[in-house]
Amino acid sequence: MTGRLLETAPGPGFADPVADSQRAFRAMLEAIARPGTVQAIGAELTPPAPLSRAAAAALLTLVDFETPLWLDAAARQPAVEAWVRFHCGVPLVDDPAAARFALVADPMGSLLPLDRFPIGEDAFPDRSATVIVAAAGLKSGSGWRLSGPGIEGEARLEAGGLPLGFAAAWQANRGLFPCGIDLFLTADDRVAALPRTVRLED
C-alpha cells in the first residue's frame, strides 16, 4: 500500500517555498510592470508535463483555494490536476467563464477567443481572469511592438506558438479597459506579461 501511494503522490513543489515563491512573485511583478521584458523565474521545479517551470511557478505563486482554475484539454492531465490540487488547494472548474485563473498549454487550439474568460465589470474590473499561457519560446527585442503604461516609447516581444489572430484579439481585449483579461506568457523558466493596458501590433 505504501509503495502504491508513493507512486501516485504528486511531485514536489518549490524546494524552498518561501524564498522560491518570493523570487517567482518578484519576477512576475517585474514582468507585468515592464511589459515586453522577459524575466527568469529562478526556481528549481520539476512539474508534471506539460507544465513548464515558469507556468508551475506562476500557479504556485498566484492561485489558492479562493481562485477557481480552468485547465485547457492539453493541461488537464491527471498528474497536473493532482499536482495543482495538492500544492495549491485550488478548485478546478470546467467552464472558462467561471475561472479567475486559466492555464492554456495548447494556445494554438485553446487560447482564442479571449472573451470566453471573465473580463470583469466596469464597477469591478478586478473580477476578470488572469490567463497563463505556454508559449513555444520568449524573446525580447523582436516580434510584436508593444506600447502603453510601463513602456518607455516602444518594446518588442516575440512569443512562439500563439495562434493567428492573437494580435487582433488582444487589441479587442485592450479596448474593453478597465475590463479585460491579463496574460502571462511562460516558456521554460521565463515569463513575460501582457497587462490589459498594453497596445500590441504585429
N, C-alpha and C. Protein backbone atom coordinates (compact mmCIF):
# COMPACT_ATOMS: atom_id res chain seq x y z
N MET A 1 0.83 -1.20 0.00
CA MET A 1 0.00 0.00 0.00
C MET A 1 0.87 1.26 0.00
N THR A 2 1.91 1.28 0.85
CA THR A 2 2.77 2.46 0.92
C THR A 2 3.44 2.73 -0.41
N GLY A 3 3.94 1.67 -1.07
CA GLY A 3 4.58 1.83 -2.36
C GLY A 3 3.62 2.38 -3.39
N ARG A 4 2.35 1.92 -3.37
CA ARG A 4 1.36 2.40 -4.33
C ARG A 4 1.07 3.89 -4.10
N LEU A 5 1.01 4.32 -2.85
CA LEU A 5 0.77 5.72 -2.54
C LEU A 5 1.93 6.59 -3.02
N LEU A 6 3.16 6.11 -2.84
CA LEU A 6 4.31 6.87 -3.28
C LEU A 6 4.34 7.02 -4.79
N GLU A 7 3.89 5.98 -5.52
CA GLU A 7 3.87 6.05 -6.97
C GLU A 7 2.90 7.10 -7.47
N THR A 8 1.78 7.29 -6.78
CA THR A 8 0.74 8.19 -7.26
C THR A 8 0.80 9.56 -6.58
N ALA A 9 1.67 9.75 -5.60
CA ALA A 9 1.75 11.04 -4.91
C ALA A 9 2.24 12.12 -5.87
N PRO A 10 1.68 13.34 -5.78
CA PRO A 10 2.15 14.43 -6.64
C PRO A 10 3.62 14.72 -6.40
N GLY A 11 4.31 15.15 -7.46
CA GLY A 11 5.70 15.53 -7.33
C GLY A 11 5.87 16.76 -6.46
N PRO A 12 7.11 17.11 -6.12
CA PRO A 12 7.34 18.23 -5.22
C PRO A 12 7.03 19.57 -5.86
N GLY A 13 6.78 20.56 -5.01
CA GLY A 13 6.61 21.93 -5.46
C GLY A 13 7.94 22.67 -5.32
N PHE A 14 7.89 23.90 -4.80
CA PHE A 14 9.12 24.65 -4.58
C PHE A 14 10.01 23.92 -3.58
N ALA A 15 11.32 23.91 -3.87
CA ALA A 15 12.27 23.32 -2.92
C ALA A 15 12.33 24.14 -1.64
N ASP A 16 12.31 25.45 -1.79
CA ASP A 16 12.28 26.37 -0.65
C ASP A 16 11.04 27.24 -0.83
N PRO A 17 9.89 26.84 -0.27
CA PRO A 17 8.63 27.52 -0.58
C PRO A 17 8.64 29.03 -0.37
N VAL A 18 9.27 29.50 0.70
CA VAL A 18 9.25 30.94 0.98
C VAL A 18 10.14 31.68 -0.01
N ALA A 19 11.40 31.30 -0.10
CA ALA A 19 12.34 32.01 -0.98
C ALA A 19 11.96 31.87 -2.45
N ASP A 20 11.58 30.65 -2.86
CA ASP A 20 11.25 30.44 -4.27
C ASP A 20 9.98 31.17 -4.67
N SER A 21 8.97 31.19 -3.80
CA SER A 21 7.74 31.91 -4.14
C SER A 21 8.00 33.41 -4.19
N GLN A 22 8.86 33.91 -3.32
CA GLN A 22 9.19 35.35 -3.36
C GLN A 22 9.92 35.70 -4.64
N ARG A 23 10.86 34.84 -5.06
CA ARG A 23 11.59 35.09 -6.31
C ARG A 23 10.63 35.06 -7.50
N ALA A 24 9.75 34.06 -7.53
CA ALA A 24 8.80 33.95 -8.63
C ALA A 24 7.86 35.15 -8.66
N PHE A 25 7.39 35.56 -7.48
CA PHE A 25 6.48 36.70 -7.42
C PHE A 25 7.17 37.98 -7.91
N ARG A 26 8.42 38.18 -7.52
CA ARG A 26 9.16 39.37 -7.98
C ARG A 26 9.33 39.35 -9.49
N ALA A 27 9.62 38.17 -10.05
CA ALA A 27 9.79 38.07 -11.50
C ALA A 27 8.50 38.40 -12.22
N MET A 28 7.37 37.90 -11.72
CA MET A 28 6.09 38.17 -12.37
C MET A 28 5.68 39.63 -12.19
N LEU A 29 5.98 40.19 -11.03
CA LEU A 29 5.68 41.59 -10.79
C LEU A 29 6.50 42.48 -11.72
N GLU A 30 7.77 42.15 -11.90
CA GLU A 30 8.62 42.90 -12.81
C GLU A 30 8.13 42.76 -14.25
N ALA A 31 7.68 41.55 -14.62
CA ALA A 31 7.19 41.32 -15.97
C ALA A 31 5.95 42.15 -16.26
N ILE A 32 5.04 42.24 -15.30
CA ILE A 32 3.80 42.98 -15.55
C ILE A 32 4.00 44.49 -15.41
N ALA A 33 5.01 44.90 -14.62
CA ALA A 33 5.33 46.33 -14.50
C ALA A 33 6.09 46.83 -15.72
N ARG A 34 6.83 45.92 -16.39
CA ARG A 34 7.62 46.29 -17.56
C ARG A 34 7.27 45.36 -18.72
N PRO A 35 6.09 45.57 -19.33
CA PRO A 35 5.66 44.68 -20.42
C PRO A 35 6.69 44.65 -21.55
N GLY A 36 6.87 43.48 -22.10
CA GLY A 36 7.85 43.29 -23.17
C GLY A 36 9.16 42.74 -22.68
N THR A 37 9.42 42.80 -21.37
CA THR A 37 10.64 42.21 -20.83
C THR A 37 10.40 40.74 -20.51
N VAL A 38 11.44 39.96 -20.57
CA VAL A 38 11.38 38.54 -20.24
C VAL A 38 12.17 38.32 -18.96
N GLN A 39 11.51 37.76 -17.96
CA GLN A 39 12.10 37.58 -16.64
C GLN A 39 12.34 36.10 -16.36
N ALA A 40 13.42 35.80 -15.65
CA ALA A 40 13.70 34.43 -15.22
C ALA A 40 13.03 34.17 -13.88
N ILE A 41 12.34 33.06 -13.76
CA ILE A 41 11.64 32.71 -12.53
C ILE A 41 12.63 32.37 -11.42
N GLY A 42 13.69 31.65 -11.75
CA GLY A 42 14.74 31.37 -10.79
C GLY A 42 14.39 30.36 -9.72
N ALA A 43 13.51 29.41 -10.03
CA ALA A 43 13.13 28.39 -9.05
C ALA A 43 13.42 27.01 -9.62
N GLU A 44 13.88 26.12 -8.77
CA GLU A 44 14.11 24.74 -9.16
C GLU A 44 12.81 23.96 -9.01
N LEU A 45 12.27 23.51 -10.11
CA LEU A 45 11.00 22.79 -10.11
C LEU A 45 11.04 21.68 -11.14
N THR A 46 10.36 20.59 -10.85
CA THR A 46 10.20 19.50 -11.83
C THR A 46 8.71 19.16 -11.89
N PRO A 47 7.91 20.04 -12.48
CA PRO A 47 6.46 19.82 -12.51
C PRO A 47 6.09 18.75 -13.53
N PRO A 48 4.89 18.21 -13.42
CA PRO A 48 4.45 17.22 -14.40
C PRO A 48 4.20 17.87 -15.77
N ALA A 49 4.46 17.12 -16.83
CA ALA A 49 4.17 17.59 -18.19
C ALA A 49 2.66 17.79 -18.33
N PRO A 50 2.26 18.83 -19.08
CA PRO A 50 3.08 19.72 -19.91
C PRO A 50 3.47 21.03 -19.22
N LEU A 51 3.46 21.09 -17.91
CA LEU A 51 3.80 22.33 -17.21
C LEU A 51 5.29 22.65 -17.36
N SER A 52 5.59 23.88 -17.74
CA SER A 52 6.96 24.36 -17.69
C SER A 52 7.26 24.82 -16.26
N ARG A 53 8.53 25.07 -15.99
CA ARG A 53 8.89 25.57 -14.66
C ARG A 53 8.23 26.92 -14.39
N ALA A 54 8.20 27.78 -15.40
CA ALA A 54 7.60 29.10 -15.20
C ALA A 54 6.10 29.01 -14.99
N ALA A 55 5.40 28.17 -15.76
CA ALA A 55 3.96 28.02 -15.58
C ALA A 55 3.65 27.44 -14.21
N ALA A 56 4.44 26.44 -13.80
CA ALA A 56 4.23 25.84 -12.48
C ALA A 56 4.48 26.86 -11.37
N ALA A 57 5.55 27.66 -11.52
CA ALA A 57 5.84 28.67 -10.51
C ALA A 57 4.74 29.72 -10.44
N ALA A 58 4.18 30.08 -11.59
CA ALA A 58 3.07 31.04 -11.60
C ALA A 58 1.87 30.49 -10.84
N LEU A 59 1.56 29.22 -11.05
CA LEU A 59 0.44 28.61 -10.34
C LEU A 59 0.71 28.56 -8.83
N LEU A 60 1.91 28.13 -8.46
CA LEU A 60 2.24 28.04 -7.04
C LEU A 60 2.19 29.40 -6.35
N THR A 61 2.47 30.44 -7.10
CA THR A 61 2.55 31.79 -6.53
C THR A 61 1.21 32.50 -6.52
N LEU A 62 0.38 32.27 -7.54
CA LEU A 62 -0.81 33.09 -7.73
C LEU A 62 -2.12 32.45 -7.30
N VAL A 63 -2.25 31.15 -7.41
CA VAL A 63 -3.58 30.55 -7.17
C VAL A 63 -3.65 29.89 -5.79
N ASP A 64 -4.88 29.84 -5.27
CA ASP A 64 -5.11 29.19 -3.99
C ASP A 64 -6.55 28.71 -3.93
N PHE A 65 -7.02 28.35 -2.75
CA PHE A 65 -8.34 27.75 -2.61
C PHE A 65 -9.48 28.71 -2.94
N GLU A 66 -9.16 30.01 -3.07
CA GLU A 66 -10.20 31.00 -3.38
C GLU A 66 -10.21 31.41 -4.84
N THR A 67 -9.36 30.81 -5.66
CA THR A 67 -9.23 31.25 -7.05
C THR A 67 -9.49 30.07 -8.00
N PRO A 68 -10.72 29.92 -8.48
CA PRO A 68 -11.04 28.81 -9.39
C PRO A 68 -10.13 28.83 -10.62
N LEU A 69 -9.64 27.66 -10.98
CA LEU A 69 -8.69 27.50 -12.07
C LEU A 69 -9.28 26.63 -13.17
N TRP A 70 -9.15 27.10 -14.41
CA TRP A 70 -9.55 26.31 -15.58
C TRP A 70 -8.31 25.84 -16.31
N LEU A 71 -8.27 24.56 -16.66
CA LEU A 71 -7.18 23.98 -17.44
C LEU A 71 -7.71 23.62 -18.82
N ASP A 72 -6.96 23.95 -19.88
CA ASP A 72 -7.40 23.52 -21.20
C ASP A 72 -7.16 22.02 -21.34
N ALA A 73 -7.63 21.45 -22.44
CA ALA A 73 -7.58 19.99 -22.61
C ALA A 73 -6.16 19.46 -22.56
N ALA A 74 -5.20 20.23 -23.08
CA ALA A 74 -3.80 19.78 -23.08
C ALA A 74 -3.23 19.73 -21.67
N ALA A 75 -3.67 20.65 -20.81
CA ALA A 75 -3.16 20.69 -19.44
C ALA A 75 -3.94 19.80 -18.50
N ARG A 76 -5.14 19.41 -18.89
CA ARG A 76 -6.00 18.66 -17.97
C ARG A 76 -5.60 17.18 -17.96
N GLN A 77 -4.42 16.93 -17.47
CA GLN A 77 -3.88 15.59 -17.29
C GLN A 77 -4.01 15.20 -15.82
N PRO A 78 -4.21 13.92 -15.52
CA PRO A 78 -4.35 13.52 -14.12
C PRO A 78 -3.19 13.98 -13.24
N ALA A 79 -1.98 13.89 -13.75
CA ALA A 79 -0.82 14.29 -12.94
C ALA A 79 -0.84 15.79 -12.66
N VAL A 80 -1.25 16.58 -13.65
CA VAL A 80 -1.31 18.04 -13.46
C VAL A 80 -2.41 18.38 -12.47
N GLU A 81 -3.58 17.77 -12.65
CA GLU A 81 -4.70 18.03 -11.73
C GLU A 81 -4.31 17.70 -10.29
N ALA A 82 -3.68 16.54 -10.10
CA ALA A 82 -3.29 16.14 -8.76
C ALA A 82 -2.25 17.10 -8.19
N TRP A 83 -1.33 17.55 -9.03
CA TRP A 83 -0.26 18.45 -8.58
C TRP A 83 -0.83 19.79 -8.13
N VAL A 84 -1.71 20.39 -8.94
CA VAL A 84 -2.24 21.71 -8.57
C VAL A 84 -3.19 21.61 -7.38
N ARG A 85 -3.96 20.54 -7.31
CA ARG A 85 -4.84 20.38 -6.14
C ARG A 85 -4.02 20.23 -4.86
N PHE A 86 -2.96 19.43 -4.93
CA PHE A 86 -2.15 19.16 -3.74
C PHE A 86 -1.37 20.40 -3.30
N HIS A 87 -0.71 21.07 -4.24
CA HIS A 87 0.18 22.16 -3.87
C HIS A 87 -0.53 23.50 -3.73
N CYS A 88 -1.64 23.69 -4.42
CA CYS A 88 -2.32 24.99 -4.42
C CYS A 88 -3.67 24.95 -3.72
N GLY A 89 -4.24 23.75 -3.53
CA GLY A 89 -5.57 23.64 -2.94
C GLY A 89 -6.64 24.30 -3.77
N VAL A 90 -6.40 24.40 -5.06
CA VAL A 90 -7.25 25.19 -5.94
C VAL A 90 -8.44 24.39 -6.44
N PRO A 91 -9.63 25.01 -6.52
CA PRO A 91 -10.76 24.33 -7.15
C PRO A 91 -10.64 24.41 -8.67
N LEU A 92 -10.80 23.28 -9.34
CA LEU A 92 -10.76 23.24 -10.81
C LEU A 92 -12.18 23.36 -11.34
N VAL A 93 -12.36 24.17 -12.38
CA VAL A 93 -13.67 24.38 -12.98
C VAL A 93 -13.65 23.93 -14.43
N ASP A 94 -14.81 23.50 -14.92
CA ASP A 94 -14.93 23.02 -16.29
C ASP A 94 -15.25 24.13 -17.29
N ASP A 95 -15.75 25.26 -16.78
CA ASP A 95 -16.18 26.35 -17.64
C ASP A 95 -15.19 27.50 -17.52
N PRO A 96 -14.55 27.92 -18.62
CA PRO A 96 -13.60 29.04 -18.52
C PRO A 96 -14.25 30.33 -18.03
N ALA A 97 -15.56 30.47 -18.24
CA ALA A 97 -16.24 31.68 -17.78
C ALA A 97 -16.34 31.75 -16.26
N ALA A 98 -16.08 30.62 -15.58
CA ALA A 98 -16.14 30.58 -14.11
C ALA A 98 -14.77 30.70 -13.47
N ALA A 99 -13.73 30.88 -14.26
CA ALA A 99 -12.36 30.85 -13.75
C ALA A 99 -11.87 32.24 -13.36
N ARG A 100 -11.03 32.30 -12.32
CA ARG A 100 -10.27 33.50 -12.01
C ARG A 100 -8.87 33.41 -12.61
N PHE A 101 -8.40 32.18 -12.77
CA PHE A 101 -7.14 31.92 -13.46
C PHE A 101 -7.37 30.81 -14.47
N ALA A 102 -6.60 30.84 -15.54
CA ALA A 102 -6.69 29.79 -16.56
C ALA A 102 -5.27 29.43 -16.99
N LEU A 103 -5.07 28.15 -17.27
CA LEU A 103 -3.80 27.66 -17.79
C LEU A 103 -4.04 27.10 -19.18
N VAL A 104 -3.39 27.67 -20.17
CA VAL A 104 -3.53 27.25 -21.56
C VAL A 104 -2.22 26.64 -22.01
N ALA A 105 -2.20 25.31 -22.11
CA ALA A 105 -0.99 24.60 -22.54
C ALA A 105 -0.92 24.45 -24.05
N ASP A 106 -2.06 24.59 -24.73
CA ASP A 106 -2.13 24.48 -26.19
C ASP A 106 -2.74 25.76 -26.75
N PRO A 107 -1.94 26.85 -26.82
CA PRO A 107 -2.52 28.12 -27.25
C PRO A 107 -3.06 28.10 -28.67
N MET A 108 -2.47 27.30 -29.56
CA MET A 108 -2.97 27.25 -30.92
C MET A 108 -4.42 26.76 -30.96
N GLY A 109 -4.76 25.86 -30.04
CA GLY A 109 -6.11 25.30 -30.07
C GLY A 109 -7.05 25.82 -29.00
N SER A 110 -6.50 26.46 -27.95
CA SER A 110 -7.34 26.74 -26.78
C SER A 110 -7.33 28.19 -26.31
N LEU A 111 -6.49 29.07 -26.87
CA LEU A 111 -6.39 30.41 -26.32
C LEU A 111 -7.52 31.33 -26.76
N LEU A 112 -7.88 31.25 -28.02
CA LEU A 112 -8.94 32.11 -28.55
C LEU A 112 -10.28 31.39 -28.54
N PRO A 113 -11.39 32.12 -28.40
CA PRO A 113 -11.48 33.57 -28.22
C PRO A 113 -11.18 33.98 -26.78
N LEU A 114 -10.57 35.14 -26.63
CA LEU A 114 -10.20 35.62 -25.30
C LEU A 114 -11.41 35.97 -24.45
N ASP A 115 -12.51 36.37 -25.10
CA ASP A 115 -13.65 36.84 -24.32
C ASP A 115 -14.48 35.72 -23.71
N ARG A 116 -14.02 34.46 -23.84
CA ARG A 116 -14.71 33.41 -23.09
C ARG A 116 -14.25 33.35 -21.64
N PHE A 117 -13.15 34.06 -21.34
CA PHE A 117 -12.70 34.19 -19.96
C PHE A 117 -13.37 35.42 -19.34
N PRO A 118 -13.58 35.44 -18.03
CA PRO A 118 -14.21 36.60 -17.39
C PRO A 118 -13.41 37.88 -17.64
N ILE A 119 -14.11 38.93 -18.03
CA ILE A 119 -13.45 40.21 -18.31
C ILE A 119 -13.70 41.22 -17.21
N GLY A 120 -14.44 40.84 -16.16
CA GLY A 120 -14.78 41.77 -15.10
C GLY A 120 -15.96 42.64 -15.47
N GLU A 121 -16.25 43.60 -14.61
CA GLU A 121 -17.33 44.55 -14.83
C GLU A 121 -16.79 45.95 -14.62
N ASP A 122 -17.46 46.94 -15.19
CA ASP A 122 -16.97 48.32 -15.05
C ASP A 122 -16.79 48.70 -13.59
N ALA A 123 -17.72 48.27 -12.74
CA ALA A 123 -17.61 48.59 -11.31
C ALA A 123 -16.60 47.69 -10.60
N PHE A 124 -16.35 46.50 -11.15
CA PHE A 124 -15.44 45.54 -10.52
C PHE A 124 -14.52 44.93 -11.58
N PRO A 125 -13.62 45.72 -12.16
CA PRO A 125 -12.73 45.18 -13.20
C PRO A 125 -11.77 44.12 -12.68
N ASP A 126 -11.57 44.06 -11.35
CA ASP A 126 -10.68 43.07 -10.77
C ASP A 126 -11.28 41.67 -10.78
N ARG A 127 -12.52 41.54 -11.16
CA ARG A 127 -13.15 40.22 -11.24
C ARG A 127 -12.87 39.52 -12.57
N SER A 128 -11.89 39.97 -13.26
CA SER A 128 -11.51 39.37 -14.53
C SER A 128 -10.54 38.20 -14.30
N ALA A 129 -10.25 37.49 -15.37
CA ALA A 129 -9.35 36.34 -15.28
C ALA A 129 -7.92 36.73 -15.64
N THR A 130 -6.99 36.02 -15.06
CA THR A 130 -5.59 36.06 -15.47
C THR A 130 -5.28 34.74 -16.16
N VAL A 131 -4.75 34.82 -17.37
CA VAL A 131 -4.51 33.62 -18.18
C VAL A 131 -3.01 33.37 -18.28
N ILE A 132 -2.59 32.17 -17.92
CA ILE A 132 -1.20 31.74 -18.00
C ILE A 132 -1.06 30.87 -19.25
N VAL A 133 -0.22 31.29 -20.17
CA VAL A 133 -0.12 30.66 -21.48
C VAL A 133 1.25 30.04 -21.67
N ALA A 134 1.28 28.83 -22.17
CA ALA A 134 2.54 28.16 -22.51
C ALA A 134 2.93 28.55 -23.93
N ALA A 135 3.95 29.38 -24.06
CA ALA A 135 4.46 29.77 -25.37
C ALA A 135 5.57 28.80 -25.78
N ALA A 136 5.83 28.74 -27.09
CA ALA A 136 6.90 27.88 -27.58
C ALA A 136 8.28 28.49 -27.30
N GLY A 137 8.31 29.77 -27.03
CA GLY A 137 9.56 30.46 -26.71
C GLY A 137 9.27 31.92 -26.47
N LEU A 138 10.16 32.60 -25.76
CA LEU A 138 10.01 34.02 -25.46
C LEU A 138 11.33 34.73 -25.75
N LYS A 139 11.21 35.90 -26.40
CA LYS A 139 12.41 36.67 -26.71
C LYS A 139 12.06 38.14 -26.76
N SER A 140 12.80 38.96 -26.05
CA SER A 140 12.59 40.40 -26.12
C SER A 140 13.49 40.99 -27.20
N GLY A 141 13.09 42.16 -27.70
CA GLY A 141 13.90 42.85 -28.71
C GLY A 141 13.46 42.61 -30.13
N SER A 142 12.52 41.68 -30.35
CA SER A 142 11.99 41.43 -31.69
C SER A 142 10.54 40.97 -31.55
N GLY A 143 9.84 40.91 -32.68
CA GLY A 143 8.46 40.44 -32.64
C GLY A 143 7.47 41.58 -32.53
N TRP A 144 6.40 41.37 -31.76
CA TRP A 144 5.36 42.38 -31.62
C TRP A 144 5.92 43.71 -31.14
N ARG A 145 5.25 44.78 -31.53
CA ARG A 145 5.52 46.11 -30.99
C ARG A 145 4.54 46.37 -29.85
N LEU A 146 5.06 46.69 -28.69
CA LEU A 146 4.24 46.94 -27.50
C LEU A 146 4.40 48.39 -27.08
N SER A 147 3.30 49.01 -26.69
CA SER A 147 3.35 50.36 -26.15
C SER A 147 2.27 50.49 -25.08
N GLY A 148 2.45 51.45 -24.20
CA GLY A 148 1.48 51.65 -23.13
C GLY A 148 2.16 51.85 -21.80
N PRO A 149 1.39 51.83 -20.70
CA PRO A 149 1.96 52.05 -19.37
C PRO A 149 3.07 51.06 -19.05
N GLY A 150 4.15 51.56 -18.46
CA GLY A 150 5.29 50.73 -18.11
C GLY A 150 6.31 50.58 -19.22
N ILE A 151 6.01 51.16 -20.39
CA ILE A 151 6.91 51.03 -21.55
C ILE A 151 7.35 52.42 -21.98
N GLU A 152 8.64 52.65 -22.01
CA GLU A 152 9.16 53.93 -22.49
C GLU A 152 9.31 53.86 -24.00
N GLY A 153 8.44 54.55 -24.69
CA GLY A 153 8.45 54.51 -26.15
C GLY A 153 7.83 53.23 -26.66
N GLU A 154 8.66 52.26 -26.98
CA GLU A 154 8.18 51.01 -27.57
C GLU A 154 9.04 49.85 -27.08
N ALA A 155 8.41 48.70 -26.87
CA ALA A 155 9.13 47.47 -26.54
C ALA A 155 8.81 46.43 -27.60
N ARG A 156 9.64 45.43 -27.71
CA ARG A 156 9.41 44.35 -28.66
C ARG A 156 9.41 43.02 -27.90
N LEU A 157 8.48 42.16 -28.28
CA LEU A 157 8.38 40.85 -27.64
C LEU A 157 7.98 39.81 -28.67
N GLU A 158 8.70 38.71 -28.69
CA GLU A 158 8.41 37.59 -29.58
C GLU A 158 7.98 36.39 -28.74
N ALA A 159 6.81 35.85 -29.06
CA ALA A 159 6.30 34.67 -28.36
C ALA A 159 5.91 33.63 -29.40
N GLY A 160 6.53 32.48 -29.34
CA GLY A 160 6.26 31.44 -30.32
C GLY A 160 5.04 30.62 -29.97
N GLY A 161 4.40 30.07 -31.00
CA GLY A 161 3.33 29.11 -30.79
C GLY A 161 1.96 29.68 -30.49
N LEU A 162 1.77 30.98 -30.71
CA LEU A 162 0.46 31.58 -30.49
C LEU A 162 -0.34 31.59 -31.80
N PRO A 163 -1.66 31.58 -31.70
CA PRO A 163 -2.46 31.43 -32.91
C PRO A 163 -2.50 32.70 -33.76
N LEU A 164 -2.75 32.52 -35.06
CA LEU A 164 -3.01 33.65 -35.93
C LEU A 164 -4.23 34.39 -35.40
N GLY A 165 -4.19 35.66 -35.47
CA GLY A 165 -5.31 36.44 -34.97
C GLY A 165 -5.15 36.85 -33.52
N PHE A 166 -4.08 36.42 -32.86
CA PHE A 166 -3.93 36.79 -31.46
C PHE A 166 -3.76 38.29 -31.29
N ALA A 167 -2.97 38.93 -32.15
CA ALA A 167 -2.74 40.37 -32.02
C ALA A 167 -4.05 41.14 -32.12
N ALA A 168 -4.90 40.78 -33.07
CA ALA A 168 -6.19 41.45 -33.22
C ALA A 168 -7.08 41.18 -32.01
N ALA A 169 -7.07 39.95 -31.53
CA ALA A 169 -7.87 39.61 -30.35
C ALA A 169 -7.39 40.39 -29.13
N TRP A 170 -6.06 40.57 -29.02
CA TRP A 170 -5.54 41.31 -27.89
C TRP A 170 -5.93 42.78 -27.96
N GLN A 171 -5.93 43.35 -29.15
CA GLN A 171 -6.36 44.74 -29.29
C GLN A 171 -7.82 44.90 -28.90
N ALA A 172 -8.66 43.93 -29.25
CA ALA A 172 -10.06 43.98 -28.82
C ALA A 172 -10.16 43.88 -27.30
N ASN A 173 -9.32 43.06 -26.70
CA ASN A 173 -9.30 42.95 -25.23
C ASN A 173 -8.90 44.28 -24.61
N ARG A 174 -7.89 44.93 -25.19
CA ARG A 174 -7.44 46.22 -24.67
C ARG A 174 -8.56 47.26 -24.75
N GLY A 175 -9.39 47.15 -25.79
CA GLY A 175 -10.48 48.10 -25.96
C GLY A 175 -11.56 47.99 -24.90
N LEU A 176 -11.52 46.91 -24.10
CA LEU A 176 -12.51 46.73 -23.04
C LEU A 176 -12.14 47.45 -21.75
N PHE A 177 -10.94 48.04 -21.68
CA PHE A 177 -10.45 48.66 -20.46
C PHE A 177 -11.49 49.61 -19.86
N PRO A 178 -11.74 49.58 -18.53
CA PRO A 178 -10.93 48.94 -17.48
C PRO A 178 -11.15 47.43 -17.33
N CYS A 179 -12.08 46.88 -18.09
CA CYS A 179 -12.26 45.44 -18.06
C CYS A 179 -11.23 44.77 -18.98
N GLY A 180 -11.29 43.46 -19.08
CA GLY A 180 -10.36 42.71 -19.92
C GLY A 180 -9.49 41.78 -19.10
N ILE A 181 -8.93 40.80 -19.77
CA ILE A 181 -8.06 39.85 -19.09
C ILE A 181 -6.62 40.36 -19.07
N ASP A 182 -5.82 39.81 -18.16
CA ASP A 182 -4.37 39.98 -18.15
C ASP A 182 -3.75 38.63 -18.47
N LEU A 183 -2.56 38.66 -19.03
CA LEU A 183 -1.97 37.43 -19.54
C LEU A 183 -0.50 37.32 -19.17
N PHE A 184 -0.10 36.14 -18.72
CA PHE A 184 1.31 35.80 -18.53
C PHE A 184 1.71 34.77 -19.58
N LEU A 185 2.78 35.05 -20.29
CA LEU A 185 3.36 34.11 -21.24
C LEU A 185 4.53 33.40 -20.56
N THR A 186 4.58 32.09 -20.65
CA THR A 186 5.63 31.33 -19.99
C THR A 186 6.32 30.41 -20.99
N ALA A 187 7.60 30.17 -20.76
CA ALA A 187 8.37 29.23 -21.57
C ALA A 187 9.61 28.85 -20.77
N ASP A 188 9.83 27.56 -20.60
CA ASP A 188 10.95 27.08 -19.79
C ASP A 188 10.87 27.72 -18.39
N ASP A 189 11.90 28.48 -18.00
CA ASP A 189 11.87 29.14 -16.69
C ASP A 189 11.69 30.64 -16.82
N ARG A 190 11.09 31.08 -17.94
CA ARG A 190 10.96 32.51 -18.20
C ARG A 190 9.49 32.92 -18.31
N VAL A 191 9.25 34.19 -18.02
CA VAL A 191 7.88 34.71 -18.04
C VAL A 191 7.90 36.13 -18.59
N ALA A 192 6.86 36.46 -19.35
CA ALA A 192 6.60 37.83 -19.80
C ALA A 192 5.12 38.09 -19.57
N ALA A 193 4.74 39.35 -19.52
CA ALA A 193 3.35 39.68 -19.21
C ALA A 193 2.76 40.64 -20.22
N LEU A 194 1.47 40.48 -20.45
CA LEU A 194 0.68 41.43 -21.22
C LEU A 194 -0.48 41.89 -20.35
N PRO A 195 -0.32 42.98 -19.63
CA PRO A 195 -1.47 43.54 -18.93
C PRO A 195 -2.46 44.13 -19.93
N ARG A 196 -3.69 44.25 -19.52
CA ARG A 196 -4.76 44.68 -20.43
C ARG A 196 -4.57 46.09 -20.98
N THR A 197 -3.68 46.87 -20.38
CA THR A 197 -3.44 48.24 -20.81
C THR A 197 -2.50 48.35 -22.00
N VAL A 198 -1.87 47.25 -22.38
CA VAL A 198 -0.80 47.30 -23.39
C VAL A 198 -1.37 47.20 -24.80
N ARG A 199 -0.89 48.08 -25.66
CA ARG A 199 -1.21 48.01 -27.09
C ARG A 199 -0.21 47.08 -27.77
N LEU A 200 -0.70 46.20 -28.61
CA LEU A 200 0.15 45.22 -29.27
C LEU A 200 -0.10 45.28 -30.78
N GLU A 201 0.97 45.36 -31.54
CA GLU A 201 0.89 45.41 -33.00
C GLU A 201 1.86 44.41 -33.60
N ASP A 202 1.46 43.77 -34.69
CA ASP A 202 2.34 42.83 -35.38
C ASP A 202 3.54 43.57 -35.97
